[in-house]
């Protein structure tokens, strides 16, 4: 089974990784080097940012 294409741009993922403090790991080992916990936290943060943007656009 092949890998699915990412829904997030690389620049957006990098922004979140920097914010969460594991971008150095990404630079060293690539995206495959991050832990499952870090990946989950990255997804949670992306969802939170999307929800904040939706609220902002409503007003």
PDB file of N, CA and C in Angstrom:
ATOM      1  N   UNK A   1       0.854  -1.186   0.000  1.00  0.00           N
ATOM      2  CA  UNK A   1       0.000   0.000   0.000  1.00  0.00           C
ATOM      3  C   UNK A   1       0.888   1.233   0.000  1.00  0.00           C
ATOM      4  N   UNK A   2       0.605   2.193  -0.875  1.00  0.00           N
ATOM      5  CA  UNK A   2       1.412   3.401  -0.992  1.00  0.00           C
ATOM      6  C   UNK A   2       1.042   4.452   0.036  1.00  0.00           C
ATOM      7  N   UNK A   3       1.924   5.417   0.167  1.00  0.00           N
ATOM      8  CA  UNK A   3       1.672   6.523   1.099  1.00  0.00           C
ATOM      9  C   UNK A   3       0.675   7.488   0.483  1.00  0.00           C
ATOM     10  N   UNK A   4      -0.166   8.031   1.317  1.00  0.00           N
ATOM     11  CA  UNK A   4      -1.111   9.046   0.856  1.00  0.00           C
ATOM     12  C   UNK A   4      -0.412  10.391   0.773  1.00  0.00           C
ATOM     13  N   UNK A   5      -0.858  11.202  -0.137  1.00  0.00           N
ATOM     14  CA  UNK A   5      -0.308  12.548  -0.281  1.00  0.00           C
ATOM     15  C   UNK A   5      -0.782  13.415   0.874  1.00  0.00           C
ATOM     16  N   UNK A   6       0.101  14.229   1.392  1.00  0.00           N
ATOM     17  CA  UNK A   6      -0.202  15.069   2.541  1.00  0.00           C
ATOM     18  C   UNK A   6      -1.244  16.128   2.200  1.00  0.00           C
ATOM     19  N   UNK A   7      -2.117  16.379   3.151  1.00  0.00           N
ATOM     20  CA  UNK A   7      -3.123  17.435   2.982  1.00  0.00           C
ATOM     21  C   UNK A   7      -2.553  18.792   3.378  1.00  0.00           C
ATOM     22  N   UNK A   8      -1.440  18.782   4.122  1.00  0.00           N
ATOM     23  CA  UNK A   8      -0.807  20.023   4.572  1.00  0.00           C
ATOM     24  C   UNK A   8       0.434  20.292   3.721  1.00  0.00           C
ATOM     25  N   UNK A   9       0.663  21.542   3.416  1.00  0.00           N
ATOM     26  CA  UNK A   9       1.871  21.900   2.678  1.00  0.00           C
ATOM     27  C   UNK A   9       3.093  21.705   3.561  1.00  0.00           C
ATOM     28  N   UNK A  10       4.233  21.512   2.932  1.00  0.00           N
ATOM     29  CA  UNK A  10       5.468  21.355   3.702  1.00  0.00           C
ATOM     30  C   UNK A  10       5.755  22.587   4.552  1.00  0.00           C
ATOM     31  N   UNK A  11       5.489  23.768   4.005  1.00  0.00           N
ATOM     32  CA  UNK A  11       5.770  24.992   4.772  1.00  0.00           C
ATOM     33  C   UNK A  11       4.869  25.088   6.008  1.00  0.00           C
ATOM     34  N   UNK A  12       3.616  24.645   5.884  1.00  0.00           N
ATOM     35  CA  UNK A  12       2.702  24.658   7.022  1.00  0.00           C
ATOM     36  C   UNK A  12       3.149  23.647   8.075  1.00  0.00           C
ATOM     37  N   UNK A  13       3.553  22.459   7.628  1.00  0.00           N
ATOM     38  CA  UNK A  13       4.055  21.453   8.565  1.00  0.00           C
ATOM     39  C   UNK A  13       5.310  21.957   9.271  1.00  0.00           C
ATOM     40  N   UNK A  14       6.193  22.615   8.529  1.00  0.00           N
ATOM     41  CA  UNK A  14       7.410  23.164   9.133  1.00  0.00           C
ATOM     42  C   UNK A  14       7.078  24.221  10.173  1.00  0.00           C
ATOM     43  N   UNK A  15       6.105  25.074   9.863  1.00  0.00           N
ATOM     44  CA  UNK A  15       5.679  26.119  10.804  1.00  0.00           C
ATOM     45  C   UNK A  15       5.204  25.494  12.120  1.00  0.00           C
ATOM     46  N   UNK A  16       4.392  24.449  12.013  1.00  0.00           N
ATOM     47  CA  UNK A  16       3.870  23.799  13.211  1.00  0.00           C
ATOM     48  C   UNK A  16       4.990  23.082  13.967  1.00  0.00           C
ATOM     49  N   UNK A  17       5.877  22.406  13.245  1.00  0.00           N
ATOM     50  CA  UNK A  17       6.992  21.701  13.890  1.00  0.00           C
ATOM     51  C   UNK A  17       7.876  22.681  14.649  1.00  0.00           C
ATOM     52  N   UNK A  18       8.106  23.854  14.074  1.00  0.00           N
ATOM     53  CA  UNK A  18       8.899  24.880  14.759  1.00  0.00           C
ATOM     54  C   UNK A  18       8.181  25.329  16.024  1.00  0.00           C
ATOM     55  N   UNK A  19       6.876  25.564  15.908  1.00  0.00           N
ATOM     56  CA  UNK A  19       6.080  26.019  17.051  1.00  0.00           C
ATOM     57  C   UNK A  19       6.080  24.984  18.177  1.00  0.00           C
ATOM     58  N   UNK A  20       6.026  23.706  17.804  1.00  0.00           N
ATOM     59  CA  UNK A  20       5.956  22.646  18.799  1.00  0.00           C
ATOM     60  C   UNK A  20       7.335  22.186  19.272  1.00  0.00           C
ATOM     61  N   UNK A  21       8.378  22.669  18.625  1.00  0.00           N
ATOM     62  CA  UNK A  21       9.726  22.429  19.120  1.00  0.00           C
ATOM     63  C   UNK A  21      10.428  21.165  18.639  1.00  0.00           C
ATOM     64  N   UNK A  22       9.986  20.574  17.534  1.00  0.00           N
ATOM     65  CA  UNK A  22      10.698  19.397  17.038  1.00  0.00           C
ATOM     66  C   UNK A  22      11.169  19.546  15.587  1.00  0.00           C
ATOM     67  N   UNK A  23      11.261  20.779  15.124  1.00  0.00           N
ATOM     68  CA  UNK A  23      11.713  21.010  13.742  1.00  0.00           C
ATOM     69  C   UNK A  23      13.155  20.562  13.542  1.00  0.00           C
ATOM     70  N   UNK A  24      13.985  20.664  14.570  1.00  0.00           N
ATOM     71  CA  UNK A  24      15.373  20.209  14.456  1.00  0.00           C
ATOM     72  C   UNK A  24      15.427  18.715  14.136  1.00  0.00           C
ATOM     73  N   UNK A  25      14.516  17.940  14.695  1.00  0.00           N
ATOM     74  CA  UNK A  25      14.430  16.509  14.408  1.00  0.00           C
ATOM     75  C   UNK A  25      14.034  16.275  12.950  1.00  0.00           C
ATOM     76  N   UNK A  26      13.108  17.092  12.448  1.00  0.00           N
ATOM     77  CA  UNK A  26      12.679  16.986  11.051  1.00  0.00           C
ATOM     78  C   UNK A  26      13.856  17.294  10.127  1.00  0.00           C
ATOM     79  N   UNK A  27      14.610  18.333  10.445  1.00  0.00           N
ATOM     80  CA  UNK A  27      15.758  18.690   9.621  1.00  0.00           C
ATOM     81  C   UNK A  27      16.795  17.577   9.605  1.00  0.00           C
ATOM     82  N   UNK A  28      16.982  16.939  10.745  1.00  0.00           N
ATOM     83  CA  UNK A  28      18.004  15.900  10.882  1.00  0.00           C
ATOM     84  C   UNK A  28      17.574  14.580  10.236  1.00  0.00           C
ATOM     85  N   UNK A  29      16.344  14.138  10.524  1.00  0.00           N
ATOM     86  CA  UNK A  29      15.893  12.805  10.141  1.00  0.00           C
ATOM     87  C   UNK A  29      14.759  12.776   9.123  1.00  0.00           C
ATOM     88  N   UNK A  30      14.223  13.923   8.753  1.00  0.00           N
ATOM     89  CA  UNK A  30      13.072  13.958   7.854  1.00  0.00           C
ATOM     90  C   UNK A  30      11.779  13.716   8.625  1.00  0.00           C
ATOM     91  N   UNK A  31      10.658  13.770   7.908  1.00  0.00           N
ATOM     92  CA  UNK A  31       9.356  13.621   8.560  1.00  0.00           C
ATOM     93  C   UNK A  31       9.172  12.229   9.135  1.00  0.00           C
ATOM     94  N   UNK A  32       9.833  11.229   8.569  1.00  0.00           N
ATOM     95  CA  UNK A  32       9.730   9.870   9.085  1.00  0.00           C
ATOM     96  C   UNK A  32      10.408   9.684  10.422  1.00  0.00           C
ATOM     97  N   UNK A  33      11.208  10.660  10.835  1.00  0.00           N
ATOM     98  CA  UNK A  33      11.936  10.558  12.093  1.00  0.00           C
ATOM     99  C   UNK A  33      11.204  11.083  13.304  1.00  0.00           C
ATOM    100  N   UNK A  34      10.033  11.691  13.106  1.00  0.00           N
ATOM    101  CA  UNK A  34       9.313  12.222  14.264  1.00  0.00           C
ATOM    102  C   UNK A  34       8.510  11.110  14.931  1.00  0.00           C
ATOM    103  N   UNK A  35       8.233  11.292  16.196  1.00  0.00           N
ATOM    104  CA  UNK A  35       7.474  10.286  16.940  1.00  0.00           C
ATOM    105  C   UNK A  35       5.992  10.374  16.599  1.00  0.00           C
ATOM    106  N   UNK A  36       5.293   9.317  16.903  1.00  0.00           N
ATOM    107  CA  UNK A  36       3.841   9.306  16.713  1.00  0.00           C
ATOM    108  C   UNK A  36       3.164  10.383  17.544  1.00  0.00           C
ATOM    109  N   UNK A  37       3.694  10.611  18.730  1.00  0.00           N
ATOM    110  CA  UNK A  37       3.145  11.654  19.605  1.00  0.00           C
ATOM    111  C   UNK A  37       3.308  13.025  18.962  1.00  0.00           C
ATOM    112  N   UNK A  38       4.500  13.293  18.407  1.00  0.00           N
ATOM    113  CA  UNK A  38       4.726  14.586  17.744  1.00  0.00           C
ATOM    114  C   UNK A  38       3.814  14.746  16.533  1.00  0.00           C
ATOM    115  N   UNK A  39       3.651  13.669  15.769  1.00  0.00           N
ATOM    116  CA  UNK A  39       2.762  13.720  14.604  1.00  0.00           C
ATOM    117  C   UNK A  39       1.326  14.014  15.047  1.00  0.00           C
ATOM    118  N   UNK A  40       0.892  13.364  16.105  1.00  0.00           N
ATOM    119  CA  UNK A  40      -0.455  13.604  16.623  1.00  0.00           C
ATOM    120  C   UNK A  40      -0.628  15.028  17.116  1.00  0.00           C
ATOM    121  N   UNK A  41       0.374  15.539  17.809  1.00  0.00           N
ATOM    122  CA  UNK A  41       0.311  16.925  18.282  1.00  0.00           C
ATOM    123  C   UNK A  41       0.291  17.903  17.120  1.00  0.00           C
ATOM    124  N   UNK A  42       0.987  17.559  16.043  1.00  0.00           N
ATOM    125  CA  UNK A  42       1.003  18.410  14.866  1.00  0.00           C
ATOM    126  C   UNK A  42      -0.395  18.467  14.241  1.00  0.00           C
ATOM    127  N   UNK A  43      -1.055  17.332  14.155  1.00  0.00           N
ATOM    128  CA  UNK A  43      -2.410  17.283  13.602  1.00  0.00           C
ATOM    129  C   UNK A  43      -3.376  18.052  14.501  1.00  0.00           C
ATOM    130  N   UNK A  44      -3.273  17.864  15.813  1.00  0.00           N
ATOM    131  CA  UNK A  44      -4.135  18.598  16.748  1.00  0.00           C
ATOM    132  C   UNK A  44      -3.976  20.100  16.579  1.00  0.00           C
ATOM    133  N   UNK A  45      -2.721  20.540  16.446  1.00  0.00           N
ATOM    134  CA  UNK A  45      -2.465  21.981  16.294  1.00  0.00           C
ATOM    135  C   UNK A  45      -3.020  22.496  14.976  1.00  0.00           C
ATOM    136  N   UNK A  46      -2.872  21.714  13.911  1.00  0.00           N
ATOM    137  CA  UNK A  46      -3.411  22.126  12.606  1.00  0.00           C
ATOM    138  C   UNK A  46      -4.926  22.271  12.665  1.00  0.00           C
ATOM    139  N   UNK A  47      -5.589  21.350  13.347  1.00  0.00           N
ATOM    140  CA  UNK A  47      -7.048  21.424  13.503  1.00  0.00           C
ATOM    141  C   UNK A  47      -7.427  22.652  14.313  1.00  0.00           C
ATOM    142  N   UNK A  48      -6.681  22.897  15.389  1.00  0.00           N
ATOM    143  CA  UNK A  48      -6.950  24.067  16.226  1.00  0.00           C
ATOM    144  C   UNK A  48      -6.799  25.357  15.406  1.00  0.00           C
ATOM    145  N   UNK A  49      -5.750  25.428  14.600  1.00  0.00           N
ATOM    146  CA  UNK A  49      -5.525  26.620  13.772  1.00  0.00           C
ATOM    147  C   UNK A  49      -6.642  26.791  12.745  1.00  0.00           C
ATOM    148  N   UNK A  50      -7.114  25.688  12.158  1.00  0.00           N
ATOM    149  CA  UNK A  50      -8.207  25.752  11.180  1.00  0.00           C
ATOM    150  C   UNK A  50      -9.494  26.231  11.849  1.00  0.00           C
ATOM    151  N   UNK A  51      -9.768  25.725  13.047  1.00  0.00           N
ATOM    152  CA  UNK A  51     -10.963  26.156  13.769  1.00  0.00           C
ATOM    153  C   UNK A  51     -10.897  27.634  14.116  1.00  0.00           C
ATOM    154  N   UNK A  52      -9.725  28.100  14.538  1.00  0.00           N
ATOM    155  CA  UNK A  52      -9.554  29.525  14.852  1.00  0.00           C
ATOM    156  C   UNK A  52      -9.782  30.377  13.603  1.00  0.00           C
ATOM    157  N   UNK A  53      -9.304  29.907  12.464  1.00  0.00           N
ATOM    158  CA  UNK A  53      -9.479  30.648  11.211  1.00  0.00           C
ATOM    159  C   UNK A  53     -10.950  30.690  10.799  1.00  0.00           C
ATOM    160  N   UNK A  54     -11.676  29.587  11.027  1.00  0.00           N
ATOM    161  CA  UNK A  54     -13.096  29.560  10.701  1.00  0.00           C
ATOM    162  C   UNK A  54     -13.878  30.568  11.542  1.00  0.00           C
ATOM    163  N   UNK A  55     -13.561  30.624  12.832  1.00  0.00           N
ATOM    164  CA  UNK A  55     -14.233  31.577  13.722  1.00  0.00           C
ATOM    165  C   UNK A  55     -13.919  33.009  13.278  1.00  0.00           C
ATOM    166  N   UNK A  56     -12.670  33.244  12.949  1.00  0.00           N
ATOM    167  CA  UNK A  56     -12.244  34.577  12.512  1.00  0.00           C
ATOM    168  C   UNK A  56     -12.964  34.997  11.233  1.00  0.00           C
ATOM    169  N   UNK A  57     -13.132  34.063  10.312  1.00  0.00           N
ATOM    170  CA  UNK A  57     -13.788  34.366   9.026  1.00  0.00           C
ATOM    171  C   UNK A  57     -15.283  34.552   9.167  1.00  0.00           C
ATOM    172  N   UNK A  58     -15.883  34.004  10.210  1.00  0.00           N
ATOM    173  CA  UNK A  58     -17.313  34.169  10.453  1.00  0.00           C
ATOM    174  C   UNK A  58     -17.662  35.588  10.861  1.00  0.00           C
ATOM    175  N   UNK A  59     -16.736  36.215  11.561  1.00  0.00           N
ATOM    176  CA  UNK A  59     -17.006  37.557  12.111  1.00  0.00           C
ATOM    177  C   UNK A  59     -16.692  38.640  11.138  1.00  0.00           C
TER     178      UNK A  59
END
